[in-house]
Amino acid sequence: MPSGIPHIIGNEAAERFSFYGMKAILAVFFTQYLFLMDGSDGSPMSQARSAELVHLFNGAFYLTPLIGALLADGLLGKYRVIIWLSVVYCAGHAALVLIALGAGGIKPCVSAHVGDQFGSKNSHLLPRIFNWFYFSINLGAFASMHSPHGFSNGMARTGRSAFQEFSWPSLPLFFG
């Protein structure tokens, strides 16, 4: 097995942990905490507006891979796009648009990058590796939903800041 495969699979699990961790707390943040951030007595965002923004974020998250694929194929190559836009993705926990842009570089490139690690001598391992790859996607999503973060449990009970809550899902990706 090529030596880079565990890193690629780990990065994919971390990316899913990051995305689903952010997605899990986003609507609660919009409706219960965002209006408190500036210290004024504002009113909470409506659930309808929150749902609209969450769907807009999800749409951008799945639309930007077209841009990432163009960058990878035409300008920078898969590896550079994955690395640089993973950094953007981590920084994105401060601004949602950066997460969507980061996903644009990760989504179209990582699975192709897995395949590029194999030649004719070890191509028989591809089905096994892609099984592990897709397992890591689901593991990252599952772990993020069952991790000890989230506004409904974390901020209200422990007094953690929004920065701490939104940073938590990016840690595996940042350190992976």
Protein backbone atom coordinates (compact mmCIF):
# COMPACT_ATOMS: atom_id res chain seq x y z
CA MET A 1 0.00 0.00 0.00
CA PRO A 2 1.34 3.48 -0.83
CA SER A 3 2.57 5.35 2.22
CA GLY A 4 0.36 8.40 1.64
CA ILE A 5 -2.93 6.50 1.87
CA PRO A 6 -3.37 6.65 5.68
CA HIS A 7 -2.83 10.42 5.57
CA ILE A 8 -5.35 10.89 2.76
CA ILE A 9 -7.96 8.74 4.50
CA GLY A 10 -7.34 10.52 7.82
CA ASN A 11 -7.69 13.91 6.14
CA GLU A 12 -11.00 12.87 4.63
CA ALA A 13 -12.34 11.69 8.01
CA ALA A 14 -11.18 14.97 9.56
CA GLU A 15 -12.84 17.01 6.80
CA ARG A 16 -16.15 15.23 7.36
CA PHE A 17 -15.83 15.66 11.12
CA SER A 18 -15.27 19.36 10.53
CA PHE A 19 -18.18 19.79 8.12
CA TYR A 20 -20.77 17.81 10.05
CA GLY A 21 -19.59 19.26 13.35
CA MET A 22 -20.11 22.77 12.00
CA LYS A 23 -23.41 21.83 10.42
CA ALA A 24 -24.67 20.34 13.69
CA ILE A 25 -24.28 23.59 15.63
CA LEU A 26 -24.94 26.16 12.93
CA ALA A 27 -28.74 26.52 13.10
CA VAL A 28 -28.67 26.61 16.91
CA PHE A 29 -26.01 29.31 16.79
CA PHE A 30 -28.03 31.39 14.34
CA THR A 31 -31.27 31.21 16.32
CA GLN A 32 -30.01 31.32 19.91
CA TYR A 33 -26.61 33.02 20.09
CA LEU A 34 -25.77 35.17 17.07
CA PHE A 35 -27.87 38.14 18.20
CA LEU A 36 -25.99 38.20 21.53
CA MET A 37 -22.56 38.52 19.92
CA ASP A 38 -22.45 42.31 19.63
CA GLY A 39 -23.59 42.92 23.21
CA SER A 40 -26.80 44.66 22.19
CA ASP A 41 -30.34 43.60 22.97
CA GLY A 42 -31.19 42.33 19.52
CA SER A 43 -33.75 39.76 18.62
CA PRO A 44 -33.02 36.17 17.68
CA MET A 45 -32.95 35.08 14.06
CA SER A 46 -36.10 33.30 12.95
CA GLN A 47 -35.97 29.58 12.31
CA ALA A 48 -36.96 30.20 8.69
CA ARG A 49 -34.05 32.60 8.12
CA SER A 50 -31.69 30.22 9.93
CA ALA A 51 -32.81 27.34 7.71
CA GLU A 52 -32.31 29.54 4.65
CA LEU A 53 -28.73 30.37 5.67
CA VAL A 54 -27.90 26.75 6.55
CA HIS A 55 -29.18 25.62 3.14
CA LEU A 56 -27.22 28.39 1.44
CA PHE A 57 -24.08 27.18 3.25
CA ASN A 58 -24.78 23.57 2.22
CA GLY A 59 -25.37 24.62 -1.38
CA ALA A 60 -22.11 26.55 -1.51
CA PHE A 61 -20.35 23.61 0.13
CA TYR A 62 -21.42 21.28 -2.69
CA LEU A 63 -21.13 23.84 -5.52
CA THR A 64 -17.56 25.02 -4.92
CA PRO A 65 -16.00 21.65 -5.84
CA LEU A 66 -16.51 22.70 -9.46
CA ILE A 67 -14.11 25.58 -8.82
CA GLY A 68 -11.72 23.30 -6.94
CA ALA A 69 -11.69 20.82 -9.80
CA LEU A 70 -10.88 23.58 -12.29
CA LEU A 71 -8.06 24.85 -10.07
CA ALA A 72 -6.64 21.35 -9.65
CA ASP A 73 -6.89 20.32 -13.30
CA GLY A 74 -5.92 23.62 -14.88
CA LEU A 75 -3.59 25.47 -12.56
CA LEU A 76 -2.23 24.03 -9.36
CA GLY A 77 -2.66 20.25 -9.33
CA LYS A 78 -4.61 18.14 -6.85
CA TYR A 79 -2.03 18.05 -4.08
CA ARG A 80 -1.54 21.82 -3.86
CA VAL A 81 -5.29 22.47 -4.03
CA ILE A 82 -5.91 19.96 -1.23
CA ILE A 83 -3.20 21.43 1.00
CA TRP A 84 -3.96 25.12 0.47
CA LEU A 85 -7.70 24.84 0.57
CA SER A 86 -7.51 22.62 3.67
CA VAL A 87 -5.85 25.59 5.37
CA VAL A 88 -8.64 27.83 4.08
CA TYR A 89 -11.14 25.25 5.36
CA CYS A 90 -9.66 25.39 8.88
CA ALA A 91 -9.70 29.18 8.84
CA GLY A 92 -13.29 28.94 7.67
CA HIS A 93 -14.54 28.15 11.10
CA ALA A 94 -14.29 31.89 11.58
CA ALA A 95 -16.23 32.58 8.35
CA LEU A 96 -18.53 30.07 6.69
CA VAL A 97 -17.69 31.16 3.18
CA LEU A 98 -14.12 29.93 3.70
CA ILE A 99 -15.39 26.47 4.63
CA ALA A 100 -17.35 26.33 1.41
CA LEU A 101 -14.27 27.45 -0.57
CA GLY A 102 -12.09 24.92 1.25
CA ALA A 103 -14.52 22.15 0.45
CA GLY A 104 -14.23 23.19 -3.16
CA GLY A 105 -10.61 22.14 -3.11
CA ILE A 106 -10.99 19.00 -1.04
CA LYS A 107 -14.06 17.32 -2.51
CA PRO A 108 -13.07 17.02 -6.18
CA CYS A 109 -9.42 16.21 -5.50
CA VAL A 110 -9.10 13.81 -2.59
CA SER A 111 -10.72 10.70 -4.07
CA ALA A 112 -8.81 11.22 -7.33
CA HIS A 113 -5.63 11.68 -5.28
CA VAL A 114 -6.28 8.31 -3.63
CA GLY A 115 -6.44 6.67 -7.04
CA ASP A 116 -3.25 8.39 -8.15
CA GLN A 117 -1.32 6.60 -5.41
CA PHE A 118 -1.69 3.28 -7.22
CA GLY A 119 0.00 1.89 -10.27
CA SER A 120 -0.42 -1.32 -12.20
CA LYS A 121 1.48 -3.34 -9.57
CA ASN A 122 -0.85 -2.50 -6.70
CA SER A 123 -4.11 -1.58 -8.47
CA HIS A 124 -5.71 -4.73 -7.06
CA LEU A 125 -5.81 -2.88 -3.70
CA LEU A 126 -8.04 -0.07 -5.01
CA PRO A 127 -11.40 -1.60 -3.98
CA ARG A 128 -10.06 -2.24 -0.47
CA ILE A 129 -8.65 1.28 -0.13
CA PHE A 130 -11.81 2.96 -1.41
CA ASN A 131 -13.84 0.93 1.09
CA TRP A 132 -11.63 2.36 3.84
CA PHE A 133 -11.85 5.81 2.25
CA TYR A 134 -15.65 5.83 2.28
CA PHE A 135 -15.67 4.31 5.76
CA SER A 136 -13.55 7.27 6.91
CA ILE A 137 -16.11 9.69 5.45
CA ASN A 138 -18.88 8.08 7.46
CA LEU A 139 -16.71 7.76 10.57
CA GLY A 140 -15.88 11.47 10.47
CA ALA A 141 -19.56 12.38 10.10
CA PHE A 142 -20.60 9.99 12.89
CA ALA A 143 -17.87 11.16 15.27
CA SER A 144 -18.78 14.82 14.79
CA MET A 145 -22.39 14.16 15.72
CA HIS A 146 -21.36 12.33 18.88
CA SER A 147 -18.53 14.57 20.04
CA PRO A 148 -18.76 16.72 23.17
CA HIS A 149 -19.34 20.04 21.42
CA GLY A 150 -22.41 21.93 20.40
CA PHE A 151 -24.25 24.97 21.62
CA SER A 152 -27.20 23.17 23.12
CA ASN A 153 -24.93 21.11 25.38
CA GLY A 154 -21.65 23.02 25.45
CA MET A 155 -22.09 26.77 25.53
CA ALA A 156 -25.14 26.91 27.72
CA ARG A 157 -23.74 24.51 30.30
CA THR A 158 -20.04 25.36 30.34
CA GLY A 159 -19.97 28.96 29.23
CA ARG A 160 -17.61 28.25 26.33
CA SER A 161 -17.39 31.00 23.74
CA ALA A 162 -18.66 30.82 20.18
CA PHE A 163 -15.01 30.82 19.02
CA GLN A 164 -14.33 27.71 21.11
CA GLU A 165 -17.44 25.96 19.82
CA PHE A 166 -16.72 26.72 16.18
CA SER A 167 -13.02 25.87 16.51
CA TRP A 168 -13.66 22.39 17.88
CA PRO A 169 -14.77 20.78 14.59
CA SER A 170 -11.70 22.10 12.75
CA LEU A 171 -9.12 20.55 15.09
CA PRO A 172 -8.84 17.11 13.44
CA LEU A 173 -8.43 18.71 10.02
CA PHE A 174 -5.90 21.24 11.29
CA PHE A 175 -3.75 18.68 13.08
CA GLY A 176 -4.28 15.89 10.52
